[in-house]
């Protein structure tokens, strides 16, 4: 029987932690982030049109995400939504950084200290930056965003078709009231 030394155990713990962090900032299988991404055009306020359900947004309406440059580098993220049952606004502030190159729509975002998750822009109106579709590290996460509180039906239908063909459960989407 081999006895592990503390340094071997510590190394294994760090390797496991690194694997978990990399897994959280990866892209879902066969999903490619948009290229020729222009952060300056992406900055500003976005309205959440539809999303897959998650506890951190459950019960919220009028959800927006606002992105701005962060002093010292990176991006400030401010998510805001109205809690209908409590009758008050909720805000979550985070930070985001590019995973690789600044012209690829693949970022890592954190709302909780050193823990990051993927923010992958998988579809984008590259002409006017009026809509985007974003996923996380797997197909349990999907958001459809717009610069306005509503989206043209044909644009929404095209994004839904793209998400469905990529394996997302579009029938489970929640459409946000604004």
Protein backbone atom coordinates (compact mmCIF):
# COMPACT_ATOMS: atom_id res chain seq x y z
CA UNK A 1 0.00 0.00 0.00
CA UNK A 2 1.36 3.37 -1.01
CA UNK A 3 1.01 6.27 1.40
CA UNK A 4 0.40 9.66 -0.19
CA UNK A 5 2.57 12.44 1.06
CA UNK A 6 0.99 15.80 1.85
CA UNK A 7 2.57 17.33 -1.24
CA UNK A 8 1.01 14.67 -3.49
CA UNK A 9 -2.40 15.18 -1.91
CA UNK A 10 -2.10 18.93 -2.19
CA UNK A 11 -1.08 18.62 -5.83
CA UNK A 12 -4.13 16.45 -6.53
CA UNK A 13 -6.42 18.96 -4.80
CA UNK A 14 -4.99 21.82 -6.87
CA UNK A 15 -5.30 19.81 -10.09
CA UNK A 16 -8.91 18.98 -9.26
CA UNK A 17 -9.66 22.64 -8.46
CA UNK A 18 -8.02 23.74 -11.71
CA UNK A 19 -10.03 21.18 -13.68
CA UNK A 20 -13.23 22.45 -12.06
CA UNK A 21 -12.42 26.07 -12.86
CA UNK A 22 -11.49 25.27 -16.46
CA UNK A 23 -14.67 23.23 -16.84
CA UNK A 24 -16.73 26.18 -15.65
CA UNK A 25 -15.17 28.52 -18.18
CA UNK A 26 -15.31 26.14 -21.13
CA UNK A 27 -17.80 26.19 -23.99
CA UNK A 28 -20.50 23.57 -24.51
CA UNK A 29 -19.64 20.83 -26.99
CA UNK A 30 -19.91 22.02 -30.60
CA UNK A 31 -20.72 25.61 -29.60
CA UNK A 32 -18.39 28.27 -30.97
CA UNK A 33 -18.24 31.80 -29.58
CA UNK A 34 -18.66 34.58 -32.11
CA UNK A 35 -15.51 36.01 -33.61
CA UNK A 36 -14.75 39.61 -34.59
CA UNK A 37 -16.39 40.53 -31.29
CA UNK A 38 -16.24 44.26 -30.50
CA UNK A 39 -16.49 44.86 -26.76
CA UNK A 40 -17.06 48.59 -27.10
CA UNK A 41 -20.17 47.94 -29.20
CA UNK A 42 -21.37 45.26 -26.74
CA UNK A 43 -21.10 47.50 -23.69
CA UNK A 44 -24.24 49.11 -22.32
CA UNK A 45 -27.70 47.89 -21.37
CA UNK A 46 -29.29 44.66 -22.58
CA UNK A 47 -32.81 43.41 -21.85
CA UNK A 48 -33.34 39.75 -21.12
CA UNK A 49 -35.97 38.44 -23.55
CA UNK A 50 -35.84 34.75 -22.64
CA UNK A 51 -33.83 32.41 -20.43
CA UNK A 52 -33.64 28.91 -19.09
CA UNK A 53 -34.76 28.69 -15.47
CA UNK A 54 -32.21 29.09 -12.66
CA UNK A 55 -32.64 29.80 -8.99
CA UNK A 56 -30.67 33.06 -9.18
CA UNK A 57 -33.27 34.60 -11.51
CA UNK A 58 -36.39 32.77 -10.39
CA UNK A 59 -39.34 35.09 -9.75
CA UNK A 60 -37.69 38.07 -11.44
CA UNK A 61 -39.13 40.18 -14.23
CA UNK A 62 -37.83 43.26 -16.04
CA UNK A 63 -34.32 41.78 -16.06
CA UNK A 64 -31.47 43.78 -17.56
CA UNK A 65 -27.73 43.34 -17.79
CA UNK A 66 -25.49 46.37 -18.05
CA UNK A 67 -21.84 46.06 -19.06
CA UNK A 68 -19.22 48.78 -18.62
CA UNK A 69 -15.45 48.97 -18.63
CA UNK A 70 -13.84 48.13 -15.32
CA UNK A 71 -11.09 50.34 -13.96
CA UNK A 72 -7.88 48.36 -14.21
CA UNK A 73 -9.22 46.05 -16.92
CA UNK A 74 -12.12 43.76 -17.48
CA UNK A 75 -15.84 44.46 -17.52
CA UNK A 76 -18.31 45.45 -14.81
CA UNK A 77 -21.51 43.42 -14.94
CA UNK A 78 -24.69 44.66 -13.26
CA UNK A 79 -27.73 42.38 -13.47
CA UNK A 80 -30.99 43.84 -12.24
CA UNK A 81 -34.47 42.40 -11.98
CA UNK A 82 -37.74 43.07 -10.22
CA UNK A 83 -38.76 40.51 -7.58
CA UNK A 84 -42.50 40.34 -8.10
CA UNK A 85 -43.32 38.56 -4.84
CA UNK A 86 -41.18 40.90 -2.69
CA UNK A 87 -42.09 44.03 -4.61
CA UNK A 88 -38.49 45.23 -4.87
CA UNK A 89 -35.55 45.39 -7.21
CA UNK A 90 -32.65 42.96 -6.90
CA UNK A 91 -29.17 43.70 -8.20
CA UNK A 92 -26.15 41.45 -8.65
CA UNK A 93 -22.78 42.98 -9.46
CA UNK A 94 -19.95 41.01 -10.99
CA UNK A 95 -16.91 41.20 -13.17
CA UNK A 96 -15.95 39.59 -16.45
CA UNK A 97 -12.75 38.99 -18.39
CA UNK A 98 -11.97 37.51 -21.79
CA UNK A 99 -10.94 33.88 -21.67
CA UNK A 100 -8.68 34.15 -24.71
CA UNK A 101 -8.66 36.98 -27.22
CA UNK A 102 -10.67 40.19 -26.88
CA UNK A 103 -12.15 39.66 -30.36
CA UNK A 104 -13.76 36.34 -29.40
CA UNK A 105 -17.08 36.42 -27.51
CA UNK A 106 -15.93 34.02 -24.79
CA UNK A 107 -15.67 35.53 -21.34
CA UNK A 108 -15.58 34.33 -17.78
CA UNK A 109 -17.86 36.07 -15.31
CA UNK A 110 -17.87 36.06 -11.52
CA UNK A 111 -20.45 37.21 -9.01
CA UNK A 112 -18.88 35.24 -6.14
CA UNK A 113 -15.23 35.98 -5.41
CA UNK A 114 -12.75 33.79 -7.25
CA UNK A 115 -15.37 31.52 -8.87
CA UNK A 116 -15.95 32.07 -12.59
CA UNK A 117 -18.39 30.65 -15.11
CA UNK A 118 -18.50 30.83 -18.87
CA UNK A 119 -20.26 33.61 -20.73
CA UNK A 120 -20.25 32.53 -24.35
CA UNK A 121 -21.79 34.80 -26.97
CA UNK A 122 -22.97 32.21 -29.50
CA UNK A 123 -25.05 34.53 -31.71
CA UNK A 124 -24.83 38.27 -32.23
CA UNK A 125 -26.21 40.94 -34.51
CA UNK A 126 -22.78 41.91 -35.78
CA UNK A 127 -24.11 44.78 -37.87
CA UNK A 128 -25.94 46.75 -35.16
CA UNK A 129 -25.34 44.81 -31.90
CA UNK A 130 -29.11 44.78 -31.24
CA UNK A 131 -29.46 41.15 -30.13
CA UNK A 132 -27.32 38.40 -28.67
CA UNK A 133 -27.69 34.80 -27.55
CA UNK A 134 -25.49 33.71 -24.67
CA UNK A 135 -24.78 30.34 -23.11
CA UNK A 136 -22.80 29.14 -20.12
CA UNK A 137 -20.48 26.13 -19.80
CA UNK A 138 -23.23 23.69 -20.84
CA UNK A 139 -26.72 23.55 -22.36
CA UNK A 140 -28.41 24.24 -19.01
CA UNK A 141 -27.76 27.94 -19.55
CA UNK A 142 -29.21 30.10 -22.31
CA UNK A 143 -30.18 33.75 -22.52
CA UNK A 144 -31.62 35.73 -25.41
CA UNK A 145 -30.82 39.44 -25.06
CA UNK A 146 -31.95 42.57 -26.87
CA UNK A 147 -31.14 46.26 -26.70
CA UNK A 148 -34.87 46.91 -26.35
CA UNK A 149 -37.47 45.31 -24.04
CA UNK A 150 -39.06 43.54 -27.02
CA UNK A 151 -37.66 41.69 -30.00
CA UNK A 152 -38.97 41.28 -33.52
CA UNK A 153 -40.70 37.93 -33.85
CA UNK A 154 -38.67 36.86 -36.89
CA UNK A 155 -35.40 37.58 -35.04
CA UNK A 156 -36.57 35.66 -31.98
CA UNK A 157 -37.72 32.73 -34.12
CA UNK A 158 -34.35 32.61 -35.90
CA UNK A 159 -32.51 32.55 -32.56
CA UNK A 160 -34.85 29.86 -31.21
CA UNK A 161 -34.24 27.73 -34.31
CA UNK A 162 -30.48 28.15 -33.91
CA UNK A 163 -30.64 27.20 -30.22
CA UNK A 164 -32.86 24.20 -30.90
CA UNK A 165 -30.57 22.90 -33.65
CA UNK A 166 -27.64 23.28 -31.22
CA UNK A 167 -29.41 21.04 -28.69
CA UNK A 168 -30.87 23.58 -26.24
CA UNK A 169 -34.27 22.83 -24.63
CA UNK A 170 -36.03 25.86 -26.14
CA UNK A 171 -39.45 24.62 -25.01
CA UNK A 172 -38.27 25.27 -21.44
CA UNK A 173 -37.44 28.94 -22.02
CA UNK A 174 -39.02 31.54 -19.76
CA UNK A 175 -40.05 34.73 -21.54
CA UNK A 176 -39.36 37.80 -19.43
CA UNK A 177 -42.00 40.45 -18.78
CA UNK A 178 -40.79 44.04 -19.14
